[in-house]
């Protein structure tokens, strides 16, 4: 299992477009991918779960990858968070 914490930079938080980018990237890997936000644990492969998580700008998100290709998955998701999902 690998984990890393990020602060959401997107002014509008993880709305439809960045949530779609995140879930699509996470779905490429066979490992389990979760987002821990406060007391919520969100399946990062589900766009609806991400949107339903109401993740806003400035919130801290812990990305947890567990299983096959976990390191590669976390590296790709890290790039997305650090780039603000291209926004």
Protein backbone atom coordinates (compact mmCIF):
# COMPACT_ATOMS: atom_id res chain seq x y z
CA UNK A 1 0.00 0.00 0.00
CA UNK A 2 1.23 3.49 -0.90
CA UNK A 3 -0.30 6.79 0.18
CA UNK A 4 0.25 10.48 -0.30
CA UNK A 5 -1.65 13.61 0.74
CA UNK A 6 -2.52 16.47 -1.59
CA UNK A 7 -4.35 19.77 -1.28
CA UNK A 8 -6.97 20.41 -3.97
CA UNK A 9 -5.88 23.44 -6.03
CA UNK A 10 -8.85 23.65 -8.37
CA UNK A 11 -10.92 26.75 -7.66
CA UNK A 12 -14.16 24.82 -8.21
CA UNK A 13 -12.95 21.69 -6.40
CA UNK A 14 -13.28 18.25 -7.97
CA UNK A 15 -16.31 18.95 -10.16
CA UNK A 16 -17.36 16.90 -13.21
CA UNK A 17 -14.31 17.40 -15.45
CA UNK A 18 -11.48 16.81 -12.94
CA UNK A 19 -13.50 14.00 -11.31
CA UNK A 20 -13.75 12.36 -14.74
CA UNK A 21 -10.02 12.76 -15.38
CA UNK A 22 -9.22 11.32 -11.94
CA UNK A 23 -11.57 8.32 -12.20
CA UNK A 24 -10.40 7.51 -15.73
CA UNK A 25 -6.74 7.58 -14.65
CA UNK A 26 -7.44 5.43 -11.56
CA UNK A 27 -9.44 2.90 -13.60
CA UNK A 28 -6.41 2.12 -15.79
CA UNK A 29 -4.78 0.28 -12.88
CA UNK A 30 -5.78 -3.03 -11.28
CA UNK A 31 -5.08 -1.82 -7.73
CA UNK A 32 -7.70 -0.50 -5.34
CA UNK A 33 -7.67 3.32 -5.25
CA UNK A 34 -9.34 5.28 -2.46
CA UNK A 35 -9.53 8.96 -1.57
CA UNK A 36 -9.68 9.73 2.14
CA UNK A 37 -11.25 13.13 2.74
CA UNK A 38 -12.05 13.93 6.35
CA UNK A 39 -14.05 10.98 7.62
CA UNK A 40 -15.10 9.87 4.11
CA UNK A 41 -13.46 7.13 2.05
CA UNK A 42 -14.22 7.49 -1.66
CA UNK A 43 -13.70 4.99 -4.48
CA UNK A 44 -11.47 6.94 -6.90
CA UNK A 45 -12.56 4.77 -9.84
CA UNK A 46 -16.14 6.08 -9.57
CA UNK A 47 -16.84 9.53 -10.99
CA UNK A 48 -20.15 9.64 -9.12
CA UNK A 49 -18.49 8.84 -5.79
CA UNK A 50 -15.89 11.58 -6.36
CA UNK A 51 -18.54 14.17 -7.24
CA UNK A 52 -20.69 13.01 -4.31
CA UNK A 53 -17.71 13.52 -2.00
CA UNK A 54 -18.06 17.31 -2.43
CA UNK A 55 -14.29 17.81 -2.50
CA UNK A 56 -13.65 21.55 -2.51
CA UNK A 57 -10.64 23.79 -3.15
CA UNK A 58 -8.22 23.76 -0.24
CA UNK A 59 -9.33 20.39 1.13
CA UNK A 60 -6.69 17.79 1.92
CA UNK A 61 -7.09 14.46 0.11
CA UNK A 62 -5.14 11.33 1.00
CA UNK A 63 -4.76 9.04 -2.02
CA UNK A 64 -4.39 5.37 -1.05
CA UNK A 65 -3.38 2.80 -3.68
CA UNK A 66 -3.24 -0.86 -2.70
CA UNK A 67 -2.38 -3.78 -4.95
CA UNK A 68 -0.77 -4.49 -8.29
CA UNK A 69 0.80 -1.40 -9.95
CA UNK A 70 0.06 0.75 -6.88
CA UNK A 71 3.26 2.79 -7.22
CA UNK A 72 2.63 3.62 -10.89
CA UNK A 73 -0.97 4.55 -10.13
CA UNK A 74 -0.02 6.89 -7.29
CA UNK A 75 2.63 8.54 -9.48
CA UNK A 76 0.05 9.30 -12.20
CA UNK A 77 -2.53 10.59 -9.73
CA UNK A 78 0.13 12.75 -8.06
CA UNK A 79 0.83 14.41 -11.43
CA UNK A 80 -2.88 15.17 -11.80
CA UNK A 81 -3.25 16.70 -8.34
CA UNK A 82 -0.07 18.78 -8.70
CA UNK A 83 -1.11 20.06 -12.13
CA UNK A 84 -4.59 21.04 -10.93
CA UNK A 85 -6.02 18.49 -13.38
CA UNK A 86 -5.03 20.74 -16.27
CA UNK A 87 -7.26 23.63 -15.24
